[in-house]
PDB file of N, CA and C in Angstrom:
ATOM      1  N   UNK A   1      50.068 152.278  64.638  1.00  0.00           N
ATOM      2  CA  UNK A   1      48.889 153.087  64.834  1.00  0.00           C
ATOM      3  C   UNK A   1      49.248 154.559  64.736  1.00  0.00           C
ATOM      4  N   UNK A   2      48.432 155.287  64.055  1.00  0.00           N
ATOM      5  CA  UNK A   2      48.610 156.734  63.976  1.00  0.00           C
ATOM      6  C   UNK A   2      47.773 157.362  65.079  1.00  0.00           C
ATOM      7  N   UNK A   3      48.428 157.983  66.041  1.00  0.00           N
ATOM      8  CA  UNK A   3      47.742 158.489  67.224  1.00  0.00           C
ATOM      9  C   UNK A   3      47.761 160.009  67.207  1.00  0.00           C
ATOM     10  N   UNK A   4      46.597 160.596  67.386  1.00  0.00           N
ATOM     11  CA  UNK A   4      46.487 162.040  67.546  1.00  0.00           C
ATOM     12  C   UNK A   4      45.827 162.308  68.896  1.00  0.00           C
ATOM     13  N   UNK A   5      45.799 163.546  69.303  1.00  0.00           N
ATOM     14  CA  UNK A   5      45.223 163.897  70.595  1.00  0.00           C
ATOM     15  C   UNK A   5      43.746 163.557  70.668  1.00  0.00           C
ATOM     16  N   UNK A   6      43.035 163.601  69.561  1.00  0.00           N
ATOM     17  CA  UNK A   6      41.606 163.311  69.548  1.00  0.00           C
ATOM     18  C   UNK A   6      41.316 161.835  69.795  1.00  0.00           C
ATOM     19  N   UNK A   7      42.255 160.971  69.502  1.00  0.00           N
ATOM     20  CA  UNK A   7      42.046 159.537  69.634  1.00  0.00           C
ATOM     21  C   UNK A   7      42.493 158.999  70.982  1.00  0.00           C
ATOM     22  N   UNK A   8      43.022 159.838  71.835  1.00  0.00           N
ATOM     23  CA  UNK A   8      43.565 159.402  73.110  1.00  0.00           C
ATOM     24  C   UNK A   8      42.530 158.665  73.951  1.00  0.00           C
ATOM     25  N   UNK A   9      41.349 159.222  74.120  1.00  0.00           N
ATOM     26  CA  UNK A   9      40.324 158.576  74.947  1.00  0.00           C
ATOM     27  C   UNK A   9      39.830 157.285  74.294  1.00  0.00           C
ATOM     28  N   UNK A  10      39.762 157.254  72.971  1.00  0.00           N
ATOM     29  CA  UNK A  10      39.360 156.033  72.274  1.00  0.00           C
ATOM     30  C   UNK A  10      40.374 154.918  72.514  1.00  0.00           C
ATOM     31  N   UNK A  11      41.660 155.229  72.425  1.00  0.00           N
ATOM     32  CA  UNK A  11      42.700 154.227  72.660  1.00  0.00           C
ATOM     33  C   UNK A  11      42.690 153.742  74.108  1.00  0.00           C
ATOM     34  N   UNK A  12      42.483 154.648  75.048  1.00  0.00           N
ATOM     35  CA  UNK A  12      42.399 154.247  76.455  1.00  0.00           C
ATOM     36  C   UNK A  12      41.242 153.281  76.672  1.00  0.00           C
ATOM     37  N   UNK A  13      40.130 153.555  76.028  1.00  0.00           N
ATOM     38  CA  UNK A  13      38.970 152.675  76.150  1.00  0.00           C
ATOM     39  C   UNK A  13      39.254 151.310  75.509  1.00  0.00           C
ATOM     40  N   UNK A  14      39.866 151.299  74.333  1.00  0.00           N
ATOM     41  CA  UNK A  14      40.213 150.039  73.673  1.00  0.00           C
ATOM     42  C   UNK A  14      41.200 149.233  74.511  1.00  0.00           C
ATOM     43  N   UNK A  15      42.191 149.897  75.105  1.00  0.00           N
ATOM     44  CA  UNK A  15      43.145 149.210  75.975  1.00  0.00           C
ATOM     45  C   UNK A  15      42.452 148.620  77.197  1.00  0.00           C
ATOM     46  N   UNK A  16      41.548 149.375  77.783  1.00  0.00           N
ATOM     47  CA  UNK A  16      40.806 148.893  78.945  1.00  0.00           C
ATOM     48  C   UNK A  16      39.970 147.657  78.592  1.00  0.00           C
ATOM     49  N   UNK A  17      39.285 147.706  77.455  1.00  0.00           N
ATOM     50  CA  UNK A  17      38.500 146.559  77.008  1.00  0.00           C
ATOM     51  C   UNK A  17      39.398 145.359  76.751  1.00  0.00           C
ATOM     52  N   UNK A  18      40.571 145.593  76.179  1.00  0.00           N
ATOM     53  CA  UNK A  18      41.493 144.502  75.869  1.00  0.00           C
ATOM     54  C   UNK A  18      42.071 143.874  77.131  1.00  0.00           C
ATOM     55  N   UNK A  19      42.387 144.678  78.123  1.00  0.00           N
ATOM     56  CA  UNK A  19      42.876 144.141  79.393  1.00  0.00           C
ATOM     57  C   UNK A  19      41.824 143.213  79.989  1.00  0.00           C
ATOM     58  N   UNK A  20      40.587 143.670  80.013  1.00  0.00           N
ATOM     59  CA  UNK A  20      39.504 142.864  80.562  1.00  0.00           C
ATOM     60  C   UNK A  20      39.311 141.576  79.769  1.00  0.00           C
ATOM     61  N   UNK A  21      39.356 141.660  78.454  1.00  0.00           N
ATOM     62  CA  UNK A  21      39.141 140.482  77.607  1.00  0.00           C
ATOM     63  C   UNK A  21      40.253 139.456  77.776  1.00  0.00           C
ATOM     64  N   UNK A  22      41.504 139.902  77.797  1.00  0.00           N
ATOM     65  CA  UNK A  22      42.631 138.971  77.927  1.00  0.00           C
ATOM     66  C   UNK A  22      42.628 138.344  79.320  1.00  0.00           C
ATOM     67  N   UNK A  23      42.364 139.117  80.353  1.00  0.00           N
ATOM     68  CA  UNK A  23      42.286 138.550  81.696  1.00  0.00           C
ATOM     69  C   UNK A  23      41.134 137.553  81.799  1.00  0.00           C
ATOM     70  N   UNK A  24      40.044 137.830  81.146  1.00  0.00           N
ATOM     71  CA  UNK A  24      38.902 136.917  81.147  1.00  0.00           C
ATOM     72  C   UNK A  24      39.238 135.603  80.448  1.00  0.00           C
ATOM     73  N   UNK A  25      39.989 135.682  79.367  1.00  0.00           N
ATOM     74  CA  UNK A  25      40.357 134.486  78.602  1.00  0.00           C
ATOM     75  C   UNK A  25      41.494 133.698  79.238  1.00  0.00           C
ATOM     76  N   UNK A  26      42.462 134.402  79.820  1.00  0.00           N
ATOM     77  CA  UNK A  26      43.713 133.759  80.245  1.00  0.00           C
ATOM     78  C   UNK A  26      43.891 133.648  81.750  1.00  0.00           C
ATOM     79  N   UNK A  27      43.366 134.594  82.487  1.00  0.00           N
ATOM     80  CA  UNK A  27      43.589 134.637  83.926  1.00  0.00           C
ATOM     81  C   UNK A  27      44.232 135.953  84.317  1.00  0.00           C
ATOM     82  N   UNK A  28      44.449 136.106  85.604  1.00  0.00           N
ATOM     83  CA  UNK A  28      44.977 137.364  86.132  1.00  0.00           C
ATOM     84  C   UNK A  28      46.478 137.510  85.889  1.00  0.00           C
ATOM     85  N   UNK A  29      46.867 138.695  85.478  1.00  0.00           N
ATOM     86  CA  UNK A  29      48.266 139.089  85.353  1.00  0.00           C
ATOM     87  C   UNK A  29      48.338 140.572  85.662  1.00  0.00           C
ATOM     88  N   UNK A  30      49.534 141.036  85.957  1.00  0.00           N
ATOM     89  CA  UNK A  30      49.742 142.445  86.283  1.00  0.00           C
ATOM     90  C   UNK A  30      50.208 143.171  85.026  1.00  0.00           C
ATOM     91  N   UNK A  31      49.385 144.056  84.521  1.00  0.00           N
ATOM     92  CA  UNK A  31      49.699 144.773  83.284  1.00  0.00           C
ATOM     93  C   UNK A  31      50.983 145.599  83.438  1.00  0.00           C
ATOM     94  N   UNK A  32      51.329 145.954  84.674  1.00  0.00           N
ATOM     95  CA  UNK A  32      52.547 146.729  84.938  1.00  0.00           C
ATOM     96  C   UNK A  32      53.687 145.853  85.455  1.00  0.00           C
ATOM     97  N   UNK A  33      53.447 144.552  85.569  1.00  0.00           N
ATOM     98  CA  UNK A  33      54.426 143.640  86.142  1.00  0.00           C
ATOM     99  C   UNK A  33      55.578 143.324  85.204  1.00  0.00           C
ATOM    100  N   UNK A  34      56.582 142.667  85.760  1.00  0.00           N
ATOM    101  CA  UNK A  34      57.791 142.333  85.008  1.00  0.00           C
ATOM    102  C   UNK A  34      57.992 140.830  84.830  1.00  0.00           C
ATOM    103  N   UNK A  35      57.084 140.020  85.406  1.00  0.00           N
ATOM    104  CA  UNK A  35      57.206 138.576  85.234  1.00  0.00           C
ATOM    105  C   UNK A  35      56.917 138.221  83.774  1.00  0.00           C
ATOM    106  N   UNK A  36      57.389 137.062  83.375  1.00  0.00           N
ATOM    107  CA  UNK A  36      57.191 136.586  82.003  1.00  0.00           C
ATOM    108  C   UNK A  36      55.712 136.592  81.622  1.00  0.00           C
ATOM    109  N   UNK A  37      54.854 136.098  82.506  1.00  0.00           N
ATOM    110  CA  UNK A  37      53.420 136.057  82.202  1.00  0.00           C
ATOM    111  C   UNK A  37      52.829 137.460  82.087  1.00  0.00           C
ATOM    112  N   UNK A  38      53.329 138.400  82.889  1.00  0.00           N
ATOM    113  CA  UNK A  38      52.851 139.787  82.809  1.00  0.00           C
ATOM    114  C   UNK A  38      53.213 140.406  81.464  1.00  0.00           C
ATOM    115  N   UNK A  39      54.420 140.176  81.032  1.00  0.00           N
ATOM    116  CA  UNK A  39      54.887 140.731  79.756  1.00  0.00           C
ATOM    117  C   UNK A  39      54.118 140.115  78.591  1.00  0.00           C
ATOM    118  N   UNK A  40      53.910 138.802  78.642  1.00  0.00           N
ATOM    119  CA  UNK A  40      53.142 138.129  77.586  1.00  0.00           C
ATOM    120  C   UNK A  40      51.697 138.609  77.571  1.00  0.00           C
ATOM    121  N   UNK A  41      51.117 138.822  78.747  1.00  0.00           N
ATOM    122  CA  UNK A  41      49.758 139.348  78.835  1.00  0.00           C
ATOM    123  C   UNK A  41      49.667 140.747  78.261  1.00  0.00           C
ATOM    124  N   UNK A  42      50.644 141.574  78.585  1.00  0.00           N
ATOM    125  CA  UNK A  42      50.676 142.947  78.074  1.00  0.00           C
ATOM    126  C   UNK A  42      50.782 142.950  76.549  1.00  0.00           C
ATOM    127  N   UNK A  43      51.613 142.063  76.018  1.00  0.00           N
ATOM    128  CA  UNK A  43      51.764 141.981  74.566  1.00  0.00           C
ATOM    129  C   UNK A  43      50.438 141.597  73.898  1.00  0.00           C
ATOM    130  N   UNK A  44      49.727 140.652  74.483  1.00  0.00           N
ATOM    131  CA  UNK A  44      48.421 140.273  73.929  1.00  0.00           C
ATOM    132  C   UNK A  44      47.420 141.421  74.013  1.00  0.00           C
ATOM    133  N   UNK A  45      47.484 142.194  75.094  1.00  0.00           N
ATOM    134  CA  UNK A  45      46.609 143.367  75.214  1.00  0.00           C
ATOM    135  C   UNK A  45      46.889 144.350  74.083  1.00  0.00           C
ATOM    136  N   UNK A  46      48.163 144.618  73.823  1.00  0.00           N
ATOM    137  CA  UNK A  46      48.516 145.545  72.741  1.00  0.00           C
ATOM    138  C   UNK A  46      48.077 145.010  71.381  1.00  0.00           C
ATOM    139  N   UNK A  47      48.279 143.728  71.150  1.00  0.00           N
ATOM    140  CA  UNK A  47      47.879 143.139  69.866  1.00  0.00           C
ATOM    141  C   UNK A  47      46.361 143.178  69.693  1.00  0.00           C
ATOM    142  N   UNK A  48      45.616 142.832  70.750  1.00  0.00           N
ATOM    143  CA  UNK A  48      44.152 142.870  70.653  1.00  0.00           C
ATOM    144  C   UNK A  48      43.677 144.297  70.404  1.00  0.00           C
ATOM    145  N   UNK A  49      44.308 145.255  71.060  1.00  0.00           N
ATOM    146  CA  UNK A  49      43.948 146.663  70.862  1.00  0.00           C
ATOM    147  C   UNK A  49      44.218 147.091  69.423  1.00  0.00           C
ATOM    148  N   UNK A  50      45.330 146.623  68.875  1.00  0.00           N
ATOM    149  CA  UNK A  50      45.657 146.946  67.476  1.00  0.00           C
ATOM    150  C   UNK A  50      44.587 146.391  66.536  1.00  0.00           C
ATOM    151  N   UNK A  51      44.153 145.173  66.774  1.00  0.00           N
ATOM    152  CA  UNK A  51      43.097 144.584  65.947  1.00  0.00           C
ATOM    153  C   UNK A  51      41.787 145.361  66.109  1.00  0.00           C
ATOM    154  N   UNK A  52      41.438 145.714  67.347  1.00  0.00           N
ATOM    155  CA  UNK A  52      40.210 146.476  67.590  1.00  0.00           C
ATOM    156  C   UNK A  52      40.277 147.849  66.914  1.00  0.00           C
ATOM    157  N   UNK A  53      41.416 148.497  67.008  1.00  0.00           N
ATOM    158  CA  UNK A  53      41.613 149.819  66.404  1.00  0.00           C
ATOM    159  C   UNK A  53      41.420 149.776  64.888  1.00  0.00           C
ATOM    160  N   UNK A  54      41.838 148.672  64.292  1.00  0.00           N
ATOM    161  CA  UNK A  54      41.743 148.516  62.837  1.00  0.00           C
ATOM    162  C   UNK A  54      40.492 147.764  62.387  1.00  0.00           C
ATOM    163  N   UNK A  55      39.504 147.677  63.261  1.00  0.00           N
ATOM    164  CA  UNK A  55      38.222 147.018  62.950  1.00  0.00           C
ATOM    165  C   UNK A  55      38.418 145.605  62.418  1.00  0.00           C
ATOM    166  N   UNK A  56      39.326 144.858  63.027  1.00  0.00           N
ATOM    167  CA  UNK A  56      39.597 143.484  62.612  1.00  0.00           C
ATOM    168  C   UNK A  56      39.591 142.541  63.811  1.00  0.00           C
ATOM    169  N   UNK A  57      38.843 142.889  64.850  1.00  0.00           N
ATOM    170  CA  UNK A  57      38.853 142.126  66.089  1.00  0.00           C
ATOM    171  C   UNK A  57      38.420 140.671  65.896  1.00  0.00           C
ATOM    172  N   UNK A  58      37.593 140.424  64.894  1.00  0.00           N
ATOM    173  CA  UNK A  58      37.124 139.052  64.654  1.00  0.00           C
ATOM    174  C   UNK A  58      38.262 138.104  64.266  1.00  0.00           C
ATOM    175  N   UNK A  59      39.401 138.627  63.870  1.00  0.00           N
ATOM    176  CA  UNK A  59      40.546 137.796  63.482  1.00  0.00           C
ATOM    177  C   UNK A  59      41.548 137.580  64.613  1.00  0.00           C
ATOM    178  N   UNK A  60      41.415 138.328  65.684  1.00  0.00           N
ATOM    179  CA  UNK A  60      42.414 138.279  66.751  1.00  0.00           C
ATOM    180  C   UNK A  60      42.552 136.892  67.366  1.00  0.00           C
ATOM    181  N   UNK A  61      41.458 136.307  67.817  1.00  0.00           N
ATOM    182  CA  UNK A  61      41.554 135.019  68.508  1.00  0.00           C
ATOM    183  C   UNK A  61      42.139 133.931  67.628  1.00  0.00           C
ATOM    184  N   UNK A  62      41.727 133.869  66.378  1.00  0.00           N
ATOM    185  CA  UNK A  62      42.278 132.852  65.472  1.00  0.00           C
ATOM    186  C   UNK A  62      43.776 133.053  65.259  1.00  0.00           C
ATOM    187  N   UNK A  63      44.193 134.292  65.097  1.00  0.00           N
ATOM    188  CA  UNK A  63      45.601 134.581  64.820  1.00  0.00           C
ATOM    189  C   UNK A  63      46.509 134.439  66.041  1.00  0.00           C
ATOM    190  N   UNK A  64      45.948 134.546  67.236  1.00  0.00           N
ATOM    191  CA  UNK A  64      46.750 134.484  68.457  1.00  0.00           C
ATOM    192  C   UNK A  64      46.319 133.346  69.384  1.00  0.00           C
ATOM    193  N   UNK A  65      45.655 132.343  68.838  1.00  0.00           N
ATOM    194  CA  UNK A  65      45.132 131.253  69.652  1.00  0.00           C
ATOM    195  C   UNK A  65      46.229 130.549  70.455  1.00  0.00           C
ATOM    196  N   UNK A  66      47.357 130.265  69.835  1.00  0.00           N
ATOM    197  CA  UNK A  66      48.420 129.556  70.565  1.00  0.00           C
ATOM    198  C   UNK A  66      48.977 130.413  71.700  1.00  0.00           C
ATOM    199  N   UNK A  67      49.133 131.717  71.495  1.00  0.00           N
ATOM    200  CA  UNK A  67      49.629 132.601  72.543  1.00  0.00           C
ATOM    201  C   UNK A  67      48.620 132.739  73.683  1.00  0.00           C
ATOM    202  N   UNK A  68      47.327 132.826  73.337  1.00  0.00           N
ATOM    203  CA  UNK A  68      46.271 132.926  74.344  1.00  0.00           C
ATOM    204  C   UNK A  68      46.236 131.655  75.183  1.00  0.00           C
ATOM    205  N   UNK A  69      46.274 130.503  74.521  1.00  0.00           N
ATOM    206  CA  UNK A  69      46.247 129.222  75.223  1.00  0.00           C
ATOM    207  C   UNK A  69      47.482 129.055  76.099  1.00  0.00           C
ATOM    208  N   UNK A  70      48.641 129.382  75.567  1.00  0.00           N
ATOM    209  CA  UNK A  70      49.887 129.253  76.321  1.00  0.00           C
ATOM    210  C   UNK A  70      49.875 130.130  77.575  1.00  0.00           C
ATOM    211  N   UNK A  71      49.439 131.369  77.432  1.00  0.00           N
ATOM    212  CA  UNK A  71      49.375 132.257  78.589  1.00  0.00           C
ATOM    213  C   UNK A  71      48.367 131.737  79.605  1.00  0.00           C
ATOM    214  N   UNK A  72      47.215 131.294  79.140  1.00  0.00           N
ATOM    215  CA  UNK A  72      46.203 130.752  80.042  1.00  0.00           C
ATOM    216  C   UNK A  72      46.726 129.572  80.832  1.00  0.00           C
ATOM    217  N   UNK A  73      47.447 128.674  80.179  1.00  0.00           N
ATOM    218  CA  UNK A  73      48.030 127.524  80.877  1.00  0.00           C
ATOM    219  C   UNK A  73      49.106 127.962  81.861  1.00  0.00           C
ATOM    220  N   UNK A  74      49.876 128.971  81.511  1.00  0.00           N
ATOM    221  CA  UNK A  74      50.921 129.479  82.400  1.00  0.00           C
ATOM    222  C   UNK A  74      50.342 130.132  83.646  1.00  0.00           C
ATOM    223  N   UNK A  75      49.132 130.658  83.530  1.00  0.00           N
ATOM    224  CA  UNK A  75      48.514 131.365  84.656  1.00  0.00           C
ATOM    225  C   UNK A  75      47.666 130.466  85.544  1.00  0.00           C
ATOM    226  N   UNK A  76      47.531 129.184  85.180  1.00  0.00           N
ATOM    227  CA  UNK A  76      46.793 128.262  86.034  1.00  0.00           C
ATOM    228  C   UNK A  76      47.526 128.099  87.357  1.00  0.00           C
ATOM    229  N   UNK A  77      46.785 128.038  88.471  1.00  0.00           N
ATOM    230  CA  UNK A  77      47.449 127.827  89.749  1.00  0.00           C
ATOM    231  C   UNK A  77      48.065 126.433  89.818  1.00  0.00           C
ATOM    232  N   UNK A  78      49.214 126.345  90.471  1.00  0.00           N
ATOM    233  CA  UNK A  78      49.881 125.054  90.622  1.00  0.00           C
ATOM    234  C   UNK A  78      49.165 124.249  91.695  1.00  0.00           C
ATOM    235  N   UNK A  79      48.919 122.969  91.401  1.00  0.00           N
ATOM    236  CA  UNK A  79      48.287 122.080  92.359  1.00  0.00           C
ATOM    237  C   UNK A  79      49.379 121.198  92.969  1.00  0.00           C
ATOM    238  N   UNK A  80      49.452 121.191  94.305  1.00  0.00           N
ATOM    239  CA  UNK A  80      50.459 120.394  95.017  1.00  0.00           C
ATOM    240  C   UNK A  80      50.018 118.931  95.065  1.00  0.00           C
ATOM    241  N   UNK A  81      50.916 118.064  95.467  1.00  0.00           N
ATOM    242  CA  UNK A  81      50.634 116.630  95.525  1.00  0.00           C
ATOM    243  C   UNK A  81      49.454 116.313  96.439  1.00  0.00           C
ATOM    244  N   UNK A  82      49.241 117.124  97.473  1.00  0.00           N
ATOM    245  CA  UNK A  82      48.128 116.872  98.406  1.00  0.00           C
ATOM    246  C   UNK A  82      46.803 117.447  97.903  1.00  0.00           C
ATOM    247  N   UNK A  83      46.806 118.010  96.680  1.00  0.00           N
ATOM    248  CA  UNK A  83      45.585 118.548  96.076  1.00  0.00           C
ATOM    249  C   UNK A  83      45.331 120.009  96.396  1.00  0.00           C
ATOM    250  N   UNK A  84      46.173 120.637  97.212  1.00  0.00           N
ATOM    251  CA  UNK A  84      45.977 122.047  97.532  1.00  0.00           C
ATOM    252  C   UNK A  84      46.639 122.926  96.467  1.00  0.00           C
ATOM    253  N   UNK A  85      46.213 124.164  96.453  1.00  0.00           N
ATOM    254  CA  UNK A  85      46.730 125.121  95.474  1.00  0.00           C
ATOM    255  C   UNK A  85      47.884 125.889  96.058  1.00  0.00           C
TER     256      UNK A  85
END
């Protein structure tokens, strides 16, 4: 991405939208965290933002479906043998 000072607020908005979209699709993760799921979530946020920036957002889900699904499954709460979370 070619970033100039004029595009700073646009990129911040795209990143914010992407964080919300990925969390909505996959589950909660910490964008600043260091766990494997946090890093994978952050990577998807950056990729979705790149697609949005280049007006190609309609291709993002198809191109990253396996990563989105994998992260979503990783973020599911673990269910114990007694049925509790």
